Amino acid sequence: MASASNPSLTPDQFIGSNLRVAIKDGRVVTGILTVIDPFGNLLLSNVIEESEDIISPPGIHKRDIGLVSVPRETIVTVSVDTNTHRRLFSKK
């Protein structure tokens, strides 16, 4: 059982959660975690990609890109939304 004082979470507990993944090249993708393969690569659905707008900096360019595979070695950080955090870390 996961708790805030002793987080013993497994990757499968995040399936179906909304994740925000920062990638080494500076892009950020936000989507629903669908699969984690045996190598730690993430498959996200309903993805929105955010990147620096090179045409009119310092703006952010957003686009819907659907289904995305994020290789493990490109991941910088993974964040969960507030609802997922509450579900996984609430004291029961």
N, C-alpha and C. Protein backbone atom coordinates (compact mmCIF):
# COMPACT_ATOMS: atom_id res chain seq x y z
N MET A 1 0.85 -1.18 0.00
CA MET A 1 0.00 0.00 0.00
C MET A 1 0.89 1.23 0.00
N ALA A 2 0.65 2.14 -0.89
CA ALA A 2 1.43 3.38 -0.99
C ALA A 2 0.92 4.40 0.01
N SER A 3 1.85 5.11 0.60
CA SER A 3 1.49 6.22 1.48
C SER A 3 2.51 7.33 1.31
N ALA A 4 2.18 8.51 1.78
CA ALA A 4 3.09 9.65 1.64
C ALA A 4 4.38 9.41 2.41
N SER A 5 4.31 8.70 3.53
CA SER A 5 5.50 8.46 4.33
C SER A 5 6.32 7.28 3.83
N ASN A 6 5.70 6.37 3.09
CA ASN A 6 6.40 5.20 2.58
C ASN A 6 5.92 4.89 1.18
N PRO A 7 6.37 5.67 0.19
CA PRO A 7 5.88 5.44 -1.17
C PRO A 7 6.48 4.17 -1.77
N SER A 8 5.66 3.15 -1.90
CA SER A 8 6.09 1.91 -2.54
C SER A 8 5.26 1.73 -3.80
N LEU A 9 5.45 2.65 -4.72
CA LEU A 9 4.65 2.67 -5.94
C LEU A 9 5.27 1.79 -7.01
N THR A 10 4.41 1.21 -7.82
CA THR A 10 4.87 0.45 -8.97
C THR A 10 4.44 1.20 -10.23
N PRO A 11 5.19 1.05 -11.31
CA PRO A 11 4.85 1.79 -12.54
C PRO A 11 3.43 1.56 -13.03
N ASP A 12 2.90 0.34 -12.85
CA ASP A 12 1.56 0.06 -13.35
C ASP A 12 0.47 0.87 -12.64
N GLN A 13 0.77 1.44 -11.47
CA GLN A 13 -0.21 2.28 -10.78
C GLN A 13 -0.44 3.61 -11.49
N PHE A 14 0.45 3.95 -12.42
CA PHE A 14 0.33 5.21 -13.15
C PHE A 14 -0.40 5.05 -14.49
N ILE A 15 -0.69 3.81 -14.90
CA ILE A 15 -1.40 3.58 -16.16
C ILE A 15 -2.76 4.27 -16.08
N GLY A 16 -3.10 5.03 -17.11
CA GLY A 16 -4.35 5.77 -17.14
C GLY A 16 -4.25 7.16 -16.54
N SER A 17 -3.08 7.49 -16.00
CA SER A 17 -2.88 8.81 -15.38
C SER A 17 -2.41 9.83 -16.40
N ASN A 18 -2.72 11.08 -16.12
CA ASN A 18 -2.27 12.18 -16.97
C ASN A 18 -0.85 12.55 -16.53
N LEU A 19 0.12 12.42 -17.44
CA LEU A 19 1.52 12.72 -17.13
C LEU A 19 2.01 13.89 -17.96
N ARG A 20 2.97 14.60 -17.39
CA ARG A 20 3.68 15.67 -18.09
C ARG A 20 5.14 15.23 -18.12
N VAL A 21 5.68 15.01 -19.33
CA VAL A 21 7.03 14.48 -19.48
C VAL A 21 7.91 15.50 -20.18
N ALA A 22 8.98 15.90 -19.50
CA ALA A 22 9.97 16.80 -20.10
C ALA A 22 11.01 15.93 -20.80
N ILE A 23 11.37 16.33 -22.02
CA ILE A 23 12.28 15.56 -22.86
C ILE A 23 13.58 16.35 -23.02
N LYS A 24 14.69 15.63 -23.20
CA LYS A 24 16.02 16.25 -23.28
C LYS A 24 16.14 17.37 -24.30
N ASP A 25 15.40 17.30 -25.39
CA ASP A 25 15.52 18.33 -26.43
C ASP A 25 14.73 19.60 -26.11
N GLY A 26 14.11 19.65 -24.92
CA GLY A 26 13.40 20.85 -24.50
C GLY A 26 11.90 20.79 -24.66
N ARG A 27 11.40 19.81 -25.39
CA ARG A 27 9.95 19.68 -25.54
C ARG A 27 9.33 19.11 -24.27
N VAL A 28 8.04 19.38 -24.11
CA VAL A 28 7.27 18.80 -23.01
C VAL A 28 6.03 18.19 -23.63
N VAL A 29 5.76 16.93 -23.29
CA VAL A 29 4.55 16.27 -23.79
C VAL A 29 3.66 15.94 -22.61
N THR A 30 2.36 16.17 -22.78
CA THR A 30 1.38 15.88 -21.74
C THR A 30 0.34 14.95 -22.34
N GLY A 31 0.09 13.83 -21.66
CA GLY A 31 -0.88 12.88 -22.16
C GLY A 31 -1.18 11.79 -21.15
N ILE A 32 -2.00 10.85 -21.56
CA ILE A 32 -2.43 9.76 -20.69
C ILE A 32 -1.49 8.58 -20.88
N LEU A 33 -0.91 8.11 -19.78
CA LEU A 33 -0.01 6.97 -19.85
C LEU A 33 -0.80 5.72 -20.21
N THR A 34 -0.42 5.12 -21.33
CA THR A 34 -1.13 3.94 -21.83
C THR A 34 -0.35 2.66 -21.57
N VAL A 35 0.97 2.71 -21.81
CA VAL A 35 1.81 1.52 -21.67
C VAL A 35 3.20 1.94 -21.20
N ILE A 36 3.81 1.10 -20.37
CA ILE A 36 5.24 1.20 -20.08
C ILE A 36 5.82 -0.14 -20.53
N ASP A 37 6.72 -0.10 -21.52
CA ASP A 37 7.27 -1.36 -22.01
C ASP A 37 8.35 -1.88 -21.06
N PRO A 38 8.84 -3.10 -21.27
CA PRO A 38 9.84 -3.68 -20.36
C PRO A 38 11.14 -2.88 -20.27
N PHE A 39 11.39 -1.98 -21.21
CA PHE A 39 12.62 -1.19 -21.22
C PHE A 39 12.43 0.19 -20.60
N GLY A 40 11.22 0.51 -20.14
CA GLY A 40 10.95 1.79 -19.51
C GLY A 40 10.52 2.89 -20.46
N ASN A 41 10.27 2.54 -21.73
CA ASN A 41 9.75 3.52 -22.68
C ASN A 41 8.27 3.75 -22.38
N LEU A 42 7.81 4.98 -22.55
CA LEU A 42 6.42 5.33 -22.26
C LEU A 42 5.62 5.49 -23.53
N LEU A 43 4.39 5.01 -23.53
CA LEU A 43 3.46 5.26 -24.62
C LEU A 43 2.34 6.11 -24.04
N LEU A 44 2.19 7.32 -24.59
CA LEU A 44 1.18 8.27 -24.13
C LEU A 44 0.15 8.49 -25.22
N SER A 45 -1.11 8.62 -24.82
CA SER A 45 -2.18 8.92 -25.78
C SER A 45 -2.74 10.31 -25.49
N ASN A 46 -3.48 10.85 -26.47
CA ASN A 46 -4.07 12.19 -26.36
C ASN A 46 -3.02 13.24 -25.98
N VAL A 47 -1.90 13.20 -26.67
CA VAL A 47 -0.75 14.02 -26.31
C VAL A 47 -0.83 15.43 -26.89
N ILE A 48 -0.45 16.38 -26.04
CA ILE A 48 -0.22 17.76 -26.48
C ILE A 48 1.26 18.02 -26.27
N GLU A 49 1.92 18.47 -27.33
CA GLU A 49 3.35 18.77 -27.28
C GLU A 49 3.54 20.28 -27.14
N GLU A 50 4.43 20.68 -26.26
CA GLU A 50 4.78 22.08 -26.09
C GLU A 50 6.27 22.23 -26.38
N SER A 51 6.60 23.23 -27.19
CA SER A 51 8.00 23.50 -27.50
C SER A 51 8.21 24.99 -27.66
N GLU A 52 9.46 25.39 -27.60
CA GLU A 52 9.77 26.81 -27.79
C GLU A 52 9.42 27.21 -29.21
N ASP A 53 8.75 28.33 -29.35
CA ASP A 53 8.37 28.84 -30.67
C ASP A 53 9.58 29.55 -31.27
N ILE A 54 10.20 28.93 -32.29
CA ILE A 54 11.41 29.51 -32.87
C ILE A 54 11.12 30.69 -33.79
N ILE A 55 9.87 30.83 -34.20
CA ILE A 55 9.50 31.95 -35.08
C ILE A 55 9.29 33.22 -34.28
N SER A 56 8.63 33.12 -33.13
CA SER A 56 8.40 34.31 -32.31
C SER A 56 8.72 34.03 -30.84
N PRO A 57 10.02 33.89 -30.52
CA PRO A 57 10.39 33.66 -29.12
C PRO A 57 9.97 34.85 -28.27
N PRO A 58 9.72 34.76 -27.01
CA PRO A 58 9.84 33.56 -26.18
C PRO A 58 8.54 32.78 -26.07
N GLY A 59 7.76 32.74 -27.09
CA GLY A 59 6.48 32.05 -27.06
C GLY A 59 6.61 30.54 -27.00
N ILE A 60 5.50 29.90 -26.67
CA ILE A 60 5.42 28.44 -26.62
C ILE A 60 4.49 27.98 -27.72
N HIS A 61 4.96 27.00 -28.50
CA HIS A 61 4.16 26.43 -29.58
C HIS A 61 3.52 25.15 -29.05
N LYS A 62 2.20 25.01 -29.21
CA LYS A 62 1.48 23.81 -28.78
C LYS A 62 0.85 23.14 -29.98
N ARG A 63 0.86 21.80 -29.96
CA ARG A 63 0.17 21.05 -31.01
C ARG A 63 -0.31 19.71 -30.47
N ASP A 64 -1.46 19.26 -30.98
CA ASP A 64 -2.00 17.95 -30.64
C ASP A 64 -1.31 16.93 -31.53
N ILE A 65 -0.73 15.89 -30.93
CA ILE A 65 -0.05 14.89 -31.75
C ILE A 65 -0.53 13.47 -31.49
N GLY A 66 -1.57 13.29 -30.70
CA GLY A 66 -2.18 11.97 -30.55
C GLY A 66 -1.37 10.99 -29.72
N LEU A 67 -0.85 9.94 -30.38
CA LEU A 67 -0.16 8.85 -29.70
C LEU A 67 1.35 9.03 -29.86
N VAL A 68 2.09 8.95 -28.74
CA VAL A 68 3.53 9.20 -28.77
C VAL A 68 4.26 8.16 -27.94
N SER A 69 5.37 7.68 -28.48
CA SER A 69 6.28 6.83 -27.73
C SER A 69 7.45 7.69 -27.28
N VAL A 70 7.73 7.68 -25.98
CA VAL A 70 8.83 8.47 -25.43
C VAL A 70 9.91 7.50 -24.96
N PRO A 71 11.06 7.47 -25.65
CA PRO A 71 12.14 6.58 -25.23
C PRO A 71 12.67 6.94 -23.84
N ARG A 72 12.93 5.94 -23.05
CA ARG A 72 13.38 6.14 -21.67
C ARG A 72 14.59 7.06 -21.58
N GLU A 73 15.55 6.89 -22.46
CA GLU A 73 16.79 7.67 -22.38
C GLU A 73 16.61 9.15 -22.70
N THR A 74 15.43 9.54 -23.21
CA THR A 74 15.19 10.96 -23.53
C THR A 74 14.42 11.68 -22.42
N ILE A 75 13.97 10.95 -21.41
CA ILE A 75 13.13 11.53 -20.36
C ILE A 75 13.99 12.28 -19.33
N VAL A 76 13.60 13.53 -19.07
CA VAL A 76 14.27 14.33 -18.04
C VAL A 76 13.47 14.26 -16.74
N THR A 77 12.18 14.59 -16.80
CA THR A 77 11.31 14.51 -15.62
C THR A 77 9.93 14.01 -16.03
N VAL A 78 9.25 13.41 -15.07
CA VAL A 78 7.86 12.99 -15.24
C VAL A 78 7.08 13.54 -14.06
N SER A 79 5.99 14.24 -14.36
CA SER A 79 5.12 14.81 -13.32
C SER A 79 3.72 14.27 -13.50
N VAL A 80 3.01 14.15 -12.38
CA VAL A 80 1.61 13.71 -12.45
C VAL A 80 0.70 14.88 -12.12
N ASP A 81 -0.55 14.78 -12.56
CA ASP A 81 -1.51 15.83 -12.24
C ASP A 81 -1.97 15.70 -10.79
N THR A 82 -2.67 16.69 -10.31
CA THR A 82 -3.10 16.75 -8.91
C THR A 82 -3.99 15.57 -8.54
N ASN A 83 -4.91 15.19 -9.41
CA ASN A 83 -5.82 14.08 -9.10
C ASN A 83 -5.06 12.77 -8.93
N THR A 84 -4.08 12.52 -9.80
CA THR A 84 -3.27 11.31 -9.69
C THR A 84 -2.47 11.33 -8.40
N HIS A 85 -1.88 12.46 -8.09
CA HIS A 85 -1.09 12.59 -6.86
C HIS A 85 -1.96 12.28 -5.64
N ARG A 86 -3.14 12.85 -5.59
CA ARG A 86 -4.05 12.59 -4.46
C ARG A 86 -4.41 11.11 -4.37
N ARG A 87 -4.71 10.51 -5.52
CA ARG A 87 -5.10 9.10 -5.54
C ARG A 87 -3.97 8.20 -5.03
N LEU A 88 -2.74 8.49 -5.43
CA LEU A 88 -1.62 7.62 -5.07
C LEU A 88 -1.05 7.88 -3.69
N PHE A 89 -1.14 9.12 -3.22
CA PHE A 89 -0.48 9.47 -1.97
C PHE A 89 -1.41 9.82 -0.82
N SER A 90 -2.71 9.71 -1.01
CA SER A 90 -3.62 10.04 0.09
C SER A 90 -3.53 8.97 1.16
N LYS A 91 -3.62 9.41 2.40
CA LYS A 91 -3.59 8.46 3.52
C LYS A 91 -4.95 7.82 3.65
N LYS A 92 -4.94 6.52 3.77
CA LYS A 92 -6.20 5.78 3.85
C LYS A 92 -6.36 5.15 5.19
